[in-house]
């Protein structure tokens, strides 16, 4: 990739982060906090996905 393409991509990525950071900060402050039941449900779903991926890898 040309050096100017890399520089342009880095500048656009930096501008996107700078543009989105204040919005993300506001969303994090105003979002509802998760209860322990929410975390249990999310962890069970994540473990299910990990188990399924391991099953698929062992099947190959």
C-alpha atoms as a PDB file:
ATOM      1  CA  UNK A   1       0.000   0.000   0.000  1.00  0.00           C
ATOM      2  CA  UNK A   2       1.255   3.456  -0.807  1.00  0.00           C
ATOM      3  CA  UNK A   3       2.520   5.528   2.131  1.00  0.00           C
ATOM      4  CA  UNK A   4      -0.028   8.272   1.484  1.00  0.00           C
ATOM      5  CA  UNK A   5      -2.843   5.746   1.583  1.00  0.00           C
ATOM      6  CA  UNK A   6      -1.615   4.588   5.000  1.00  0.00           C
ATOM      7  CA  UNK A   7      -1.326   8.166   6.253  1.00  0.00           C
ATOM      8  CA  UNK A   8      -4.800   9.026   4.967  1.00  0.00           C
ATOM      9  CA  UNK A   9      -6.304   5.932   6.551  1.00  0.00           C
ATOM     10  CA  UNK A  10      -4.646   6.732   9.877  1.00  0.00           C
ATOM     11  CA  UNK A  11      -5.925  10.315   9.765  1.00  0.00           C
ATOM     12  CA  UNK A  12      -9.476   9.212   8.974  1.00  0.00           C
ATOM     13  CA  UNK A  13      -9.383   6.613  11.743  1.00  0.00           C
ATOM     14  CA  UNK A  14      -8.139   9.211  14.217  1.00  0.00           C
ATOM     15  CA  UNK A  15     -10.822  11.684  13.144  1.00  0.00           C
ATOM     16  CA  UNK A  16     -13.506   9.023  13.561  1.00  0.00           C
ATOM     17  CA  UNK A  17     -12.318   8.207  17.086  1.00  0.00           C
ATOM     18  CA  UNK A  18     -12.206  11.890  18.032  1.00  0.00           C
ATOM     19  CA  UNK A  19     -15.697  12.417  16.590  1.00  0.00           C
ATOM     20  CA  UNK A  20     -17.265   9.391  18.299  1.00  0.00           C
ATOM     21  CA  UNK A  21     -15.555   9.640  21.723  1.00  0.00           C
ATOM     22  CA  UNK A  22     -17.913  12.283  23.267  1.00  0.00           C
ATOM     23  CA  UNK A  23     -21.002  10.394  22.070  1.00  0.00           C
ATOM     24  CA  UNK A  24     -19.700   7.109  23.468  1.00  0.00           C
ATOM     25  CA  UNK A  25     -18.940   8.770  26.808  1.00  0.00           C
ATOM     26  CA  UNK A  26     -22.506  10.094  27.040  1.00  0.00           C
ATOM     27  CA  UNK A  27     -23.965   6.703  26.084  1.00  0.00           C
ATOM     28  CA  UNK A  28     -21.894   4.967  28.769  1.00  0.00           C
ATOM     29  CA  UNK A  29     -23.045   7.437  31.443  1.00  0.00           C
ATOM     30  CA  UNK A  30     -26.736   7.208  30.515  1.00  0.00           C
ATOM     31  CA  UNK A  31     -26.960   3.468  29.863  1.00  0.00           C
ATOM     32  CA  UNK A  32     -28.664   1.207  32.404  1.00  0.00           C
ATOM     33  CA  UNK A  33     -26.371  -0.809  34.635  1.00  0.00           C
ATOM     34  CA  UNK A  34     -26.462  -4.588  34.317  1.00  0.00           C
ATOM     35  CA  UNK A  35     -27.645  -6.741  37.192  1.00  0.00           C
ATOM     36  CA  UNK A  36     -26.023 -10.018  38.206  1.00  0.00           C
ATOM     37  CA  UNK A  37     -28.749 -11.932  36.314  1.00  0.00           C
ATOM     38  CA  UNK A  38     -27.852 -10.051  33.133  1.00  0.00           C
ATOM     39  CA  UNK A  39     -24.177 -10.964  33.548  1.00  0.00           C
ATOM     40  CA  UNK A  40     -25.024 -14.618  34.207  1.00  0.00           C
ATOM     41  CA  UNK A  41     -27.149 -14.781  31.074  1.00  0.00           C
ATOM     42  CA  UNK A  42     -24.455 -13.111  28.957  1.00  0.00           C
ATOM     43  CA  UNK A  43     -21.746 -15.424  30.288  1.00  0.00           C
ATOM     44  CA  UNK A  44     -23.865 -18.537  29.618  1.00  0.00           C
ATOM     45  CA  UNK A  45     -24.479 -17.385  26.040  1.00  0.00           C
ATOM     46  CA  UNK A  46     -20.771 -16.642  25.552  1.00  0.00           C
ATOM     47  CA  UNK A  47     -19.777 -20.049  26.933  1.00  0.00           C
ATOM     48  CA  UNK A  48     -22.299 -21.667  24.575  1.00  0.00           C
ATOM     49  CA  UNK A  49     -20.744 -19.941  21.574  1.00  0.00           C
ATOM     50  CA  UNK A  50     -17.222 -20.890  22.699  1.00  0.00           C
ATOM     51  CA  UNK A  51     -18.313 -24.491  23.198  1.00  0.00           C
ATOM     52  CA  UNK A  52     -19.902 -24.593  19.750  1.00  0.00           C
ATOM     53  CA  UNK A  53     -16.746 -23.215  18.113  1.00  0.00           C
ATOM     54  CA  UNK A  54     -14.629 -25.810  19.933  1.00  0.00           C
ATOM     55  CA  UNK A  55     -17.037 -28.519  18.758  1.00  0.00           C
ATOM     56  CA  UNK A  56     -16.718 -27.310  15.169  1.00  0.00           C
ATOM     57  CA  UNK A  57     -12.920 -27.207  15.412  1.00  0.00           C
ATOM     58  CA  UNK A  58     -12.807 -30.772  16.757  1.00  0.00           C
ATOM     59  CA  UNK A  59     -15.110 -31.978  13.948  1.00  0.00           C
ATOM     60  CA  UNK A  60     -12.655 -30.878  11.267  1.00  0.00           C
END
